[in-house]
Structures are given as structure tokens and as C-alpha cells.
PDB file of N, CA and C in Angstrom:
ATOM      1  N   MET A   1      -4.689  -3.205 -16.135  1.00  0.00           N
ATOM      2  CA  MET A   1      -4.718  -2.334 -14.975  1.00  0.00           C
ATOM      3  C   MET A   1      -3.671  -1.235 -15.103  1.00  0.00           C
ATOM      4  N   CYS A   2      -2.469  -1.579 -15.548  1.00  0.00           N
ATOM      5  CA  CYS A   2      -1.383  -0.606 -15.657  1.00  0.00           C
ATOM      6  C   CYS A   2      -1.743   0.530 -16.612  1.00  0.00           C
ATOM      7  N   ASP A   3      -2.445   0.227 -17.702  1.00  0.00           N
ATOM      8  CA  ASP A   3      -2.859   1.267 -18.647  1.00  0.00           C
ATOM      9  C   ASP A   3      -3.786   2.273 -17.976  1.00  0.00           C
ATOM     10  N   TYR A   4      -4.654   1.785 -17.125  1.00  0.00           N
ATOM     11  CA  TYR A   4      -5.567   2.686 -16.421  1.00  0.00           C
ATOM     12  C   TYR A   4      -4.818   3.561 -15.419  1.00  0.00           C
ATOM     13  N   LEU A   5      -3.806   3.012 -14.771  1.00  0.00           N
ATOM     14  CA  LEU A   5      -3.021   3.804 -13.825  1.00  0.00           C
ATOM     15  C   LEU A   5      -2.290   4.939 -14.539  1.00  0.00           C
ATOM     16  N   LYS A   6      -1.845   4.691 -15.762  1.00  0.00           N
ATOM     17  CA  LYS A   6      -1.196   5.739 -16.544  1.00  0.00           C
ATOM     18  C   LYS A   6      -2.169   6.869 -16.856  1.00  0.00           C
ATOM     19  N   GLU A   7      -3.443   6.537 -17.016  1.00  0.00           N
ATOM     20  CA  GLU A   7      -4.439   7.537 -17.399  1.00  0.00           C
ATOM     21  C   GLU A   7      -4.908   8.407 -16.231  1.00  0.00           C
ATOM     22  N   ILE A   8      -4.667   7.961 -15.002  1.00  0.00           N
ATOM     23  CA  ILE A   8      -5.111   8.763 -13.853  1.00  0.00           C
ATOM     24  C   ILE A   8      -3.986   9.638 -13.297  1.00  0.00           C
ATOM     25  N   THR A   9      -2.813   9.597 -13.918  1.00  0.00           N
ATOM     26  CA  THR A   9      -1.715  10.448 -13.469  1.00  0.00           C
ATOM     27  C   THR A   9      -1.307  11.417 -14.573  1.00  0.00           C
ATOM     28  N   ASN A  10      -0.867  12.590 -14.173  1.00  0.00           N
ATOM     29  CA  ASN A  10      -0.419  13.620 -15.122  1.00  0.00           C
ATOM     30  C   ASN A  10      -1.439  13.844 -16.239  1.00  0.00           C
ATOM     31  N   ASN A  11      -2.695  13.999 -15.867  1.00  0.00           N
ATOM     32  CA  ASN A  11      -3.766  14.086 -16.860  1.00  0.00           C
ATOM     33  C   ASN A  11      -4.401  15.475 -16.976  1.00  0.00           C
ATOM     34  N   LYS A  12      -3.898  16.441 -16.237  1.00  0.00           N
ATOM     35  CA  LYS A  12      -4.474  17.786 -16.260  1.00  0.00           C
ATOM     36  C   LYS A  12      -4.365  18.429 -17.646  1.00  0.00           C
ATOM     37  N   CYS A  13      -3.194  18.351 -18.269  1.00  0.00           N
ATOM     38  CA  CYS A  13      -2.990  18.972 -19.590  1.00  0.00           C
ATOM     39  C   CYS A  13      -3.878  18.339 -20.655  1.00  0.00           C
ATOM     40  N   ILE A  14      -4.079  17.037 -20.562  1.00  0.00           N
ATOM     41  CA  ILE A  14      -4.953  16.337 -21.515  1.00  0.00           C
ATOM     42  C   ILE A  14      -6.378  16.875 -21.396  1.00  0.00           C
ATOM     43  N   ALA A  15      -6.846  17.012 -20.176  1.00  0.00           N
ATOM     44  CA  ALA A  15      -8.206  17.512 -19.955  1.00  0.00           C
ATOM     45  C   ALA A  15      -8.346  18.957 -20.411  1.00  0.00           C
ATOM     46  N   GLU A  16      -7.348  19.784 -20.104  1.00  0.00           N
ATOM     47  CA  GLU A  16      -7.404  21.184 -20.518  1.00  0.00           C
ATOM     48  C   GLU A  16      -7.412  21.319 -22.034  1.00  0.00           C
ATOM     49  N   SER A  17      -6.626  20.517 -22.698  1.00  0.00           N
ATOM     50  CA  SER A  17      -6.600  20.534 -24.161  1.00  0.00           C
ATOM     51  C   SER A  17      -7.944  20.126 -24.750  1.00  0.00           C
ATOM     52  N   GLU A  18      -8.550  19.126 -24.159  1.00  0.00           N
ATOM     53  CA  GLU A  18      -9.868  18.660 -24.622  1.00  0.00           C
ATOM     54  C   GLU A  18     -10.921  19.757 -24.426  1.00  0.00           C
ATOM     55  N   ILE A  19     -10.857  20.449 -23.303  1.00  0.00           N
ATOM     56  CA  ILE A  19     -11.794  21.551 -23.053  1.00  0.00           C
ATOM     57  C   ILE A  19     -11.558  22.676 -24.063  1.00  0.00           C
ATOM     58  N   ASP A  20     -10.285  22.980 -24.351  1.00  0.00           N
ATOM     59  CA  ASP A  20      -9.976  24.016 -25.346  1.00  0.00           C
ATOM     60  C   ASP A  20     -10.553  23.656 -26.719  1.00  0.00           C
ATOM     61  N   ASN A  21     -10.420  22.389 -27.098  1.00  0.00           N
ATOM     62  CA  ASN A  21     -10.851  21.956 -28.431  1.00  0.00           C
ATOM     63  C   ASN A  21     -12.349  21.707 -28.555  1.00  0.00           C
ATOM     64  N   TYR A  22     -12.963  21.155 -27.509  1.00  0.00           N
ATOM     65  CA  TYR A  22     -14.366  20.715 -27.603  1.00  0.00           C
ATOM     66  C   TYR A  22     -15.291  21.401 -26.597  1.00  0.00           C
ATOM     67  N   HIS A  23     -14.748  22.286 -25.769  1.00  0.00           N
ATOM     68  CA  HIS A  23     -15.519  23.060 -24.780  1.00  0.00           C
ATOM     69  C   HIS A  23     -16.142  22.199 -23.684  1.00  0.00           C
ATOM     70  N   MET A  24     -15.650  20.992 -23.530  1.00  0.00           N
ATOM     71  CA  MET A  24     -16.090  20.114 -22.442  1.00  0.00           C
ATOM     72  C   MET A  24     -15.262  18.840 -22.454  1.00  0.00           C
ATOM     73  N   ILE A  25     -15.301  18.152 -21.337  1.00  0.00           N
ATOM     74  CA  ILE A  25     -14.689  16.826 -21.240  1.00  0.00           C
ATOM     75  C   ILE A  25     -15.501  16.013 -20.243  1.00  0.00           C
ATOM     76  N   LYS A  26     -15.613  14.728 -20.516  1.00  0.00           N
ATOM     77  CA  LYS A  26     -16.207  13.798 -19.557  1.00  0.00           C
ATOM     78  C   LYS A  26     -15.067  13.211 -18.734  1.00  0.00           C
ATOM     79  N   LEU A  27     -15.284  13.143 -17.426  1.00  0.00           N
ATOM     80  CA  LEU A  27     -14.305  12.567 -16.510  1.00  0.00           C
ATOM     81  C   LEU A  27     -14.947  11.399 -15.773  1.00  0.00           C
ATOM     82  N   ALA A  28     -14.171  10.344 -15.564  1.00  0.00           N
ATOM     83  CA  ALA A  28     -14.664   9.153 -14.862  1.00  0.00           C
ATOM     84  C   ALA A  28     -13.837   8.951 -13.598  1.00  0.00           C
ATOM     85  N   CYS A  29     -14.500   8.919 -12.462  1.00  0.00           N
ATOM     86  CA  CYS A  29     -13.812   8.710 -11.188  1.00  0.00           C
ATOM     87  C   CYS A  29     -13.872   7.230 -10.807  1.00  0.00           C
ATOM     88  N   ILE A  30     -12.713   6.655 -10.610  1.00  0.00           N
ATOM     89  CA  ILE A  30     -12.635   5.247 -10.213  1.00  0.00           C
ATOM     90  C   ILE A  30     -13.077   5.075  -8.764  1.00  0.00           C
ATOM     91  N   TYR A  31     -12.803   6.058  -7.921  1.00  0.00           N
ATOM     92  CA  TYR A  31     -13.121   5.913  -6.502  1.00  0.00           C
ATOM     93  C   TYR A  31     -14.618   5.970  -6.225  1.00  0.00           C
ATOM     94  N   CYS A  32     -15.298   7.000  -6.729  1.00  0.00           N
ATOM     95  CA  CYS A  32     -16.736   7.099  -6.428  1.00  0.00           C
ATOM     96  C   CYS A  32     -17.608   6.534  -7.565  1.00  0.00           C
ATOM     97  N   VAL A  33     -16.965   5.993  -8.604  1.00  0.00           N
ATOM     98  CA  VAL A  33     -17.645   5.322  -9.718  1.00  0.00           C
ATOM     99  C   VAL A  33     -18.711   6.236 -10.333  1.00  0.00           C
ATOM    100  N   LYS A  34     -18.270   7.410 -10.751  1.00  0.00           N
ATOM    101  CA  LYS A  34     -19.168   8.378 -11.375  1.00  0.00           C
ATOM    102  C   LYS A  34     -18.515   8.926 -12.636  1.00  0.00           C
ATOM    103  N   ILE A  35     -19.361   9.305 -13.587  1.00  0.00           N
ATOM    104  CA  ILE A  35     -18.915   9.982 -14.799  1.00  0.00           C
ATOM    105  C   ILE A  35     -19.618  11.329 -14.838  1.00  0.00           C
ATOM    106  N   TYR A  36     -18.855  12.381 -15.042  1.00  0.00           N
ATOM    107  CA  TYR A  36     -19.437  13.715 -15.035  1.00  0.00           C
ATOM    108  C   TYR A  36     -18.769  14.582 -16.093  1.00  0.00           C
ATOM    109  N   ASP A  37     -19.412  15.700 -16.429  1.00  0.00           N
ATOM    110  CA  ASP A  37     -18.915  16.634 -17.435  1.00  0.00           C
ATOM    111  C   ASP A  37     -18.264  17.838 -16.766  1.00  0.00           C
ATOM    112  N   VAL A  38     -17.202  18.329 -17.398  1.00  0.00           N
ATOM    113  CA  VAL A  38     -16.576  19.589 -17.006  1.00  0.00           C
ATOM    114  C   VAL A  38     -16.509  20.443 -18.262  1.00  0.00           C
ATOM    115  N   THR A  39     -16.969  21.687 -18.150  1.00  0.00           N
ATOM    116  CA  THR A  39     -17.060  22.535 -19.338  1.00  0.00           C
ATOM    117  C   THR A  39     -16.051  23.679 -19.365  1.00  0.00           C
ATOM    118  N   THR A  40     -15.385  23.953 -18.258  1.00  0.00           N
ATOM    119  CA  THR A  40     -14.365  25.004 -18.242  1.00  0.00           C
ATOM    120  C   THR A  40     -13.156  24.534 -17.438  1.00  0.00           C
ATOM    121  N   LYS A  41     -12.008  25.078 -17.775  1.00  0.00           N
ATOM    122  CA  LYS A  41     -10.776  24.678 -17.091  1.00  0.00           C
ATOM    123  C   LYS A  41     -10.797  25.033 -15.609  1.00  0.00           C
ATOM    124  N   ASN A  42     -11.447  26.135 -15.265  1.00  0.00           N
ATOM    125  CA  ASN A  42     -11.458  26.516 -13.851  1.00  0.00           C
ATOM    126  C   ASN A  42     -12.366  25.618 -13.015  1.00  0.00           C
ATOM    127  N   LYS A  43     -13.122  24.737 -13.649  1.00  0.00           N
ATOM    128  CA  LYS A  43     -13.939  23.754 -12.917  1.00  0.00           C
ATOM    129  C   LYS A  43     -13.170  22.447 -12.675  1.00  0.00           C
ATOM    130  N   LEU A  44     -11.962  22.342 -13.252  1.00  0.00           N
ATOM    131  CA  LEU A  44     -11.135  21.161 -12.995  1.00  0.00           C
ATOM    132  C   LEU A  44     -10.553  21.282 -11.593  1.00  0.00           C
ATOM    133  N   TYR A  45     -10.738  20.263 -10.790  1.00  0.00           N
ATOM    134  CA  TYR A  45     -10.193  20.220  -9.442  1.00  0.00           C
ATOM    135  C   TYR A  45      -8.906  19.399  -9.532  1.00  0.00           C
ATOM    136  N   CYS A  46      -7.762  20.034  -9.335  1.00  0.00           N
ATOM    137  CA  CYS A  46      -6.486  19.356  -9.563  1.00  0.00           C
ATOM    138  C   CYS A  46      -5.574  19.450  -8.350  1.00  0.00           C
ATOM    139  N   TYR A  47      -4.715  18.475  -8.248  1.00  0.00           N
ATOM    140  CA  TYR A  47      -3.614  18.482  -7.288  1.00  0.00           C
ATOM    141  C   TYR A  47      -2.351  18.282  -8.115  1.00  0.00           C
ATOM    142  N   GLY A  48      -1.588  19.334  -8.292  1.00  0.00           N
ATOM    143  CA  GLY A  48      -0.435  19.263  -9.191  1.00  0.00           C
ATOM    144  C   GLY A  48      -0.918  19.046 -10.611  1.00  0.00           C
ATOM    145  N   ASN A  49      -0.411  18.018 -11.258  1.00  0.00           N
ATOM    146  CA  ASN A  49      -0.814  17.685 -12.628  1.00  0.00           C
ATOM    147  C   ASN A  49      -1.890  16.604 -12.684  1.00  0.00           C
ATOM    148  N   ASN A  50      -2.426  16.221 -11.550  1.00  0.00           N
ATOM    149  CA  ASN A  50      -3.444  15.164 -11.499  1.00  0.00           C
ATOM    150  C   ASN A  50      -4.827  15.757 -11.256  1.00  0.00           C
ATOM    151  N   ILE A  51      -5.794  15.278 -12.009  1.00  0.00           N
ATOM    152  CA  ILE A  51      -7.181  15.698 -11.800  1.00  0.00           C
ATOM    153  C   ILE A  51      -7.735  14.940 -10.605  1.00  0.00           C
ATOM    154  N   CYS A  52      -8.408  15.642  -9.722  1.00  0.00           N
ATOM    155  CA  CYS A  52      -9.098  15.035  -8.582  1.00  0.00           C
ATOM    156  C   CYS A  52     -10.601  15.137  -8.827  1.00  0.00           C
ATOM    157  N   CYS A  53     -11.318  14.222  -8.271  1.00  0.00           N
ATOM    158  CA  CYS A  53     -12.768  14.226  -8.387  1.00  0.00           C
ATOM    159  C   CYS A  53     -13.340  15.339  -7.498  1.00  0.00           C
ATOM    160  N   PRO A  54     -14.225  16.177  -8.037  1.00  0.00           N
ATOM    161  CA  PRO A  54     -14.809  17.232  -7.208  1.00  0.00           C
ATOM    162  C   PRO A  54     -15.782  16.689  -6.160  1.00  0.00           C
ATOM    163  N   ILE A  55     -16.206  15.451  -6.336  1.00  0.00           N
ATOM    164  CA  ILE A  55     -17.158  14.848  -5.403  1.00  0.00           C
ATOM    165  C   ILE A  55     -16.433  14.210  -4.210  1.00  0.00           C
ATOM    166  N   CYS A  56     -15.478  13.310  -4.505  1.00  0.00           N
ATOM    167  CA  CYS A  56     -14.804  12.574  -3.422  1.00  0.00           C
ATOM    168  C   CYS A  56     -13.395  13.083  -3.125  1.00  0.00           C
ATOM    169  N   LYS A  57     -12.874  13.976  -3.968  1.00  0.00           N
ATOM    170  CA  LYS A  57     -11.549  14.592  -3.802  1.00  0.00           C
ATOM    171  C   LYS A  57     -10.377  13.642  -3.999  1.00  0.00           C
ATOM    172  N   VAL A  58     -10.607  12.451  -4.551  1.00  0.00           N
ATOM    173  CA  VAL A  58      -9.548  11.470  -4.791  1.00  0.00           C
ATOM    174  C   VAL A  58      -8.989  11.662  -6.199  1.00  0.00           C
ATOM    175  N   ASP A  59      -7.679  11.533  -6.350  1.00  0.00           N
ATOM    176  CA  ASP A  59      -7.064  11.702  -7.666  1.00  0.00           C
ATOM    177  C   ASP A  59      -7.016  10.379  -8.432  1.00  0.00           C
ATOM    178  N   ALA A  60      -8.194   9.866  -8.707  1.00  0.00           N
ATOM    179  CA  ALA A  60      -8.345   8.617  -9.463  1.00  0.00           C
ATOM    180  C   ALA A  60      -9.313   8.852 -10.618  1.00  0.00           C
ATOM    181  N   VAL A  61      -9.026   9.901 -11.406  1.00  0.00           N
ATOM    182  CA  VAL A  61      -9.930  10.345 -12.458  1.00  0.00           C
ATOM    183  C   VAL A  61      -9.328  10.070 -13.828  1.00  0.00           C
ATOM    184  N   ILE A  62     -10.141   9.491 -14.701  1.00  0.00           N
ATOM    185  CA  ILE A  62      -9.737   9.222 -16.081  1.00  0.00           C
ATOM    186  C   ILE A  62     -10.428  10.219 -17.000  1.00  0.00           C
ATOM    187  N   PRO A  63      -9.665  11.020 -17.756  1.00  0.00           N
ATOM    188  CA  PRO A  63     -10.286  11.865 -18.776  1.00  0.00           C
ATOM    189  C   PRO A  63     -10.772  10.981 -19.929  1.00  0.00           C
ATOM    190  N   LEU A  64     -12.038  11.073 -20.259  1.00  0.00           N
ATOM    191  CA  LEU A  64     -12.603  10.214 -21.306  1.00  0.00           C
ATOM    192  C   LEU A  64     -12.403  10.862 -22.670  1.00  0.00           C
ATOM    193  N   ILE A  65     -11.245  10.575 -23.253  1.00  0.00           N
ATOM    194  CA  ILE A  65     -10.931  11.055 -24.593  1.00  0.00           C
ATOM    195  C   ILE A  65     -10.889   9.853 -25.534  1.00  0.00           C
ATOM    196  N   SER A  66     -10.841  10.093 -26.832  1.00  0.00           N
ATOM    197  CA  SER A  66     -10.974   9.006 -27.808  1.00  0.00           C
ATOM    198  C   SER A  66      -9.932   7.911 -27.656  1.00  0.00           C
ATOM    199  N   LYS A  67      -8.703   8.245 -27.265  1.00  0.00           N
ATOM    200  CA  LYS A  67      -7.677   7.205 -27.136  1.00  0.00           C
ATOM    201  C   LYS A  67      -7.620   6.584 -25.740  1.00  0.00           C
ATOM    202  N   CYS A  68      -8.529   6.959 -24.879  1.00  0.00           N
ATOM    203  CA  CYS A  68      -8.607   6.421 -23.527  1.00  0.00           C
ATOM    204  C   CYS A  68      -9.014   4.941 -23.566  1.00  0.00           C
ATOM    205  N   LYS A  69      -8.392   4.146 -22.727  1.00  0.00           N
ATOM    206  CA  LYS A  69      -8.658   2.701 -22.689  1.00  0.00           C
ATOM    207  C   LYS A  69     -10.116   2.405 -22.322  1.00  0.00           C
ATOM    208  N   LEU A  70     -10.688   3.178 -21.427  1.00  0.00           N
ATOM    209  CA  LEU A  70     -12.083   2.963 -21.023  1.00  0.00           C
ATOM    210  C   LEU A  70     -13.035   3.187 -22.204  1.00  0.00           C
ATOM    211  N   ILE A  71     -12.752   4.190 -23.023  1.00  0.00           N
ATOM    212  CA  ILE A  71     -13.574   4.467 -24.201  1.00  0.00           C
ATOM    213  C   ILE A  71     -13.395   3.367 -25.244  1.00  0.00           C
ATOM    214  N   GLN A  72     -12.167   2.918 -25.422  1.00  0.00           N
ATOM    215  CA  GLN A  72     -11.888   1.894 -26.426  1.00  0.00           C
ATOM    216  C   GLN A  72     -12.475   0.537 -26.052  1.00  0.00           C
ATOM    217  N   GLU A  73     -12.473   0.201 -24.767  1.00  0.00           N
ATOM    218  CA  GLU A  73     -12.954  -1.111 -24.318  1.00  0.00           C
ATOM    219  C   GLU A  73     -14.458  -1.159 -24.076  1.00  0.00           C
ATOM    220  N   CYS A  74     -15.045  -0.053 -23.658  1.00  0.00           N
ATOM    221  CA  CYS A  74     -16.445  -0.043 -23.231  1.00  0.00           C
ATOM    222  C   CYS A  74     -17.246   0.919 -24.107  1.00  0.00           C
ATOM    223  N   LYS A  75     -18.259   0.406 -24.756  1.00  0.00           N
ATOM    224  CA  LYS A  75     -19.047   1.234 -25.676  1.00  0.00           C
ATOM    225  C   LYS A  75     -20.246   1.905 -25.002  1.00  0.00           C
ATOM    226  N   THR A  76     -20.883   1.232 -24.075  1.00  0.00           N
ATOM    227  CA  THR A  76     -22.076   1.796 -23.448  1.00  0.00           C
ATOM    228  C   THR A  76     -21.741   2.378 -22.077  1.00  0.00           C
ATOM    229  N   LEU A  77     -22.617   3.234 -21.583  1.00  0.00           N
ATOM    230  CA  LEU A  77     -22.447   3.807 -20.245  1.00  0.00           C
ATOM    231  C   LEU A  77     -22.424   2.700 -19.192  1.00  0.00           C
ATOM    232  N   GLU A  78     -23.290   1.717 -19.354  1.00  0.00           N
ATOM    233  CA  GLU A  78     -23.338   0.606 -18.394  1.00  0.00           C
ATOM    234  C   GLU A  78     -22.010  -0.156 -18.356  1.00  0.00           C
ATOM    235  N   GLU A  79     -21.416  -0.404 -19.518  1.00  0.00           N
ATOM    236  CA  GLU A  79     -20.122  -1.084 -19.569  1.00  0.00           C
ATOM    237  C   GLU A  79     -19.039  -0.246 -18.893  1.00  0.00           C
ATOM    238  N   LYS A  80     -19.068   1.058 -19.130  1.00  0.00           N
ATOM    239  CA  LYS A  80     -18.086   1.947 -18.510  1.00  0.00           C
ATOM    240  C   LYS A  80     -18.216   1.930 -16.984  1.00  0.00           C
ATOM    241  N   LEU A  81     -19.452   2.017 -16.493  1.00  0.00           N
ATOM    242  CA  LEU A  81     -19.665   2.006 -15.036  1.00  0.00           C
ATOM    243  C   LEU A  81     -19.270   0.674 -14.421  1.00  0.00           C
ATOM    244  N   ASN A  82     -19.546  -0.423 -15.120  1.00  0.00           N
ATOM    245  CA  ASN A  82     -19.132  -1.742 -14.617  1.00  0.00           C
ATOM    246  C   ASN A  82     -17.617  -1.856 -14.558  1.00  0.00           C
ATOM    247  N   LYS A  83     -16.928  -1.310 -15.561  1.00  0.00           N
ATOM    248  CA  LYS A  83     -15.465  -1.327 -15.560  1.00  0.00           C
ATOM    249  C   LYS A  83     -14.926  -0.454 -14.425  1.00  0.00           C
ATOM    250  N   LEU A  84     -15.555   0.694 -14.195  1.00  0.00           N
ATOM    251  CA  LEU A  84     -15.150   1.549 -13.069  1.00  0.00           C
ATOM    252  C   LEU A  84     -15.328   0.823 -11.740  1.00  0.00           C
ATOM    253  N   LYS A  85     -16.429   0.087 -11.593  1.00  0.00           N
ATOM    254  CA  LYS A  85     -16.655  -0.693 -10.359  1.00  0.00           C
ATOM    255  C   LYS A  85     -15.556  -1.736 -10.179  1.00  0.00           C
ATOM    256  N   ASP A  86     -15.192  -2.388 -11.278  1.00  0.00           N
ATOM    257  CA  ASP A  86     -14.139  -3.397 -11.231  1.00  0.00           C
ATOM    258  C   ASP A  86     -12.794  -2.761 -10.847  1.00  0.00           C
ATOM    259  N   LEU A  87     -12.471  -1.632 -11.458  1.00  0.00           N
ATOM    260  CA  LEU A  87     -11.230  -0.936 -11.132  1.00  0.00           C
ATOM    261  C   LEU A  87     -11.240  -0.443  -9.684  1.00  0.00           C
ATOM    262  N   ASN A  88     -12.399   0.025  -9.220  1.00  0.00           N
ATOM    263  CA  ASN A  88     -12.533   0.468  -7.834  1.00  0.00           C
ATOM    264  C   ASN A  88     -12.216  -0.672  -6.879  1.00  0.00           C
ATOM    265  N   TYR A  89     -12.750  -1.836  -7.178  1.00  0.00           N
ATOM    266  CA  TYR A  89     -12.495  -3.003  -6.333  1.00  0.00           C
ATOM    267  C   TYR A  89     -11.001  -3.349  -6.327  1.00  0.00           C
ATOM    268  N   GLN A  90     -10.399  -3.358  -7.517  1.00  0.00           N
ATOM    269  CA  GLN A  90      -8.983  -3.720  -7.621  1.00  0.00           C
ATOM    270  C   GLN A  90      -8.070  -2.715  -6.922  1.00  0.00           C
ATOM    271  N   LEU A  91      -8.390  -1.434  -7.020  1.00  0.00           N
ATOM    272  CA  LEU A  91      -7.506  -0.415  -6.459  1.00  0.00           C
ATOM    273  C   LEU A  91      -7.788  -0.055  -5.006  1.00  0.00           C
ATOM    274  N   PHE A  92      -9.045  -0.166  -4.586  1.00  0.00           N
ATOM    275  CA  PHE A  92      -9.400   0.377  -3.266  1.00  0.00           C
ATOM    276  C   PHE A  92     -10.033  -0.629  -2.309  1.00  0.00           C
ATOM    277  N   LYS A  93     -10.603  -1.709  -2.791  1.00  0.00           N
ATOM    278  CA  LYS A  93     -11.362  -2.591  -1.913  1.00  0.00           C
ATOM    279  C   LYS A  93     -10.734  -3.966  -1.695  1.00  0.00           C
ATOM    280  N   LYS A  94      -9.906  -4.379  -2.622  1.00  0.00           N
ATOM    281  CA  LYS A  94      -9.349  -5.721  -2.541  1.00  0.00           C
ATOM    282  C   LYS A  94      -8.514  -5.835  -1.265  1.00  0.00           C
ATOM    283  N   VAL A  95      -8.829  -6.797  -0.451  1.00  0.00           N
ATOM    284  CA  VAL A  95      -8.137  -6.983   0.817  1.00  0.00           C
ATOM    285  C   VAL A  95      -7.195  -8.171   0.684  1.00  0.00           C
ATOM    286  N   ILE A  96      -5.979  -7.934   1.088  1.00  0.00           N
ATOM    287  CA  ILE A  96      -4.982  -8.997   1.077  1.00  0.00           C
ATOM    288  C   ILE A  96      -4.841  -9.489   2.507  1.00  0.00           C
ATOM    289  N   ASN A  97      -4.926 -10.781   2.692  1.00  0.00           N
ATOM    290  CA  ASN A  97      -4.814 -11.350   4.026  1.00  0.00           C
ATOM    291  C   ASN A  97      -3.339 -11.485   4.388  1.00  0.00           C
ATOM    292  N   ASP A  98      -2.803 -10.447   5.011  1.00  0.00           N
ATOM    293  CA  ASP A  98      -1.399 -10.455   5.406  1.00  0.00           C
ATOM    294  C   ASP A  98      -1.151 -11.314   6.639  1.00  0.00           C
ATOM    295  N   ASP A  99      -2.206 -11.675   7.355  1.00  0.00           N
ATOM    296  CA  ASP A  99      -2.038 -12.456   8.581  1.00  0.00           C
ATOM    297  C   ASP A  99      -1.818 -13.938   8.301  1.00  0.00           C
ATOM    298  N   GLU A 100      -2.097 -14.357   7.089  1.00  0.00           N
ATOM    299  CA  GLU A 100      -1.942 -15.764   6.740  1.00  0.00           C
ATOM    300  C   GLU A 100      -0.458 -16.143   6.867  1.00  0.00           C
ATOM    301  N   GLY A 101      -0.168 -17.108   7.684  1.00  0.00           N
ATOM    302  CA  GLY A 101       1.204 -17.540   7.893  1.00  0.00           C
ATOM    303  C   GLY A 101       1.995 -16.651   8.829  1.00  0.00           C
ATOM    304  N   TYR A 102       1.334 -15.672   9.452  1.00  0.00           N
ATOM    305  CA  TYR A 102       2.009 -14.750  10.354  1.00  0.00           C
ATOM    306  C   TYR A 102       2.127 -15.363  11.731  1.00  0.00           C
ATOM    307  N   GLU A 103       3.281 -15.241  12.318  1.00  0.00           N
ATOM    308  CA  GLU A 103       3.502 -15.735  13.654  1.00  0.00           C
ATOM    309  C   GLU A 103       4.155 -14.626  14.478  1.00  0.00           C
ATOM    310  N   ASP A 104       3.600 -14.311  15.623  1.00  0.00           N
ATOM    311  CA  ASP A 104       4.129 -13.260  16.481  1.00  0.00           C
ATOM    312  C   ASP A 104       5.146 -13.888  17.437  1.00  0.00           C
ATOM    313  N   TYR A 105       6.384 -13.424  17.347  1.00  0.00           N
ATOM    314  CA  TYR A 105       7.436 -13.970  18.191  1.00  0.00           C
ATOM    315  C   TYR A 105       7.621 -13.201  19.486  1.00  0.00           C
ATOM    316  N   GLU A 106       6.864 -12.150  19.707  1.00  0.00           N
ATOM    317  CA  GLU A 106       6.881 -11.346  20.937  1.00  0.00           C
ATOM    318  C   GLU A 106       8.296 -11.059  21.427  1.00  0.00           C
ATOM    319  N   TYR A 107       8.982 -10.237  20.705  1.00  0.00           N
ATOM    320  CA  TYR A 107      10.366  -9.886  21.084  1.00  0.00           C
ATOM    321  C   TYR A 107      10.399  -9.122  22.355  1.00  0.00           C
TER     322      TYR A 107
END
């Protein structure tokens, strides 16, 4: 999980470099579980140095480059989407029951 968090932060320069070299980059959004192509730097939607998804506007985007963990672990599109669903659950949907063992003392 920590490796994926590193890939969704400070990733603007990586994406721009990939576009310069290959004239496109694939981006994977953990929040909306989508993979899409960007072909020019001005189509990158960014907040500071972080890429945001143009669809959901969340900065949970992984640039899919050769050394990316998602590319290394998942070979097919289906595997990549399943991993994105898993990451989405871990980062955005997992609910922790904070009420367990909670007692209100009514101060």
C-alpha cells in the first residue's frame, strides 16, 4: 500500500516527462477506478505537483510508467482494474468501527 501512496504524490513531473518522451501517458485513478490516456501536458489536471483525475477531481492518480508498481504487479487490464478496486476500498471505503468500546461520560 505504501508504494502506491508514493506513486500518487508529486507525480506531475513524471507524467510530463513521459508525455515529452512518448507523446502520451496512461493514468489510473484509484478513486473512480478508471484508466485513461493523456496526450498533452496541458490536458493534465494538477493541484500543485499532484495529478488529479479530470473525471472525479481527486488527487489519487497513478502514472502508468514501466517502473510503476501497478504495471509491474498486474499484466492485464482486468488485473489492473481489480487492483484499483482493492486500493479504492482500502483508501476510501474501509470503515473503522470507532464506536466499539466507546462510552459516553456526558461531561
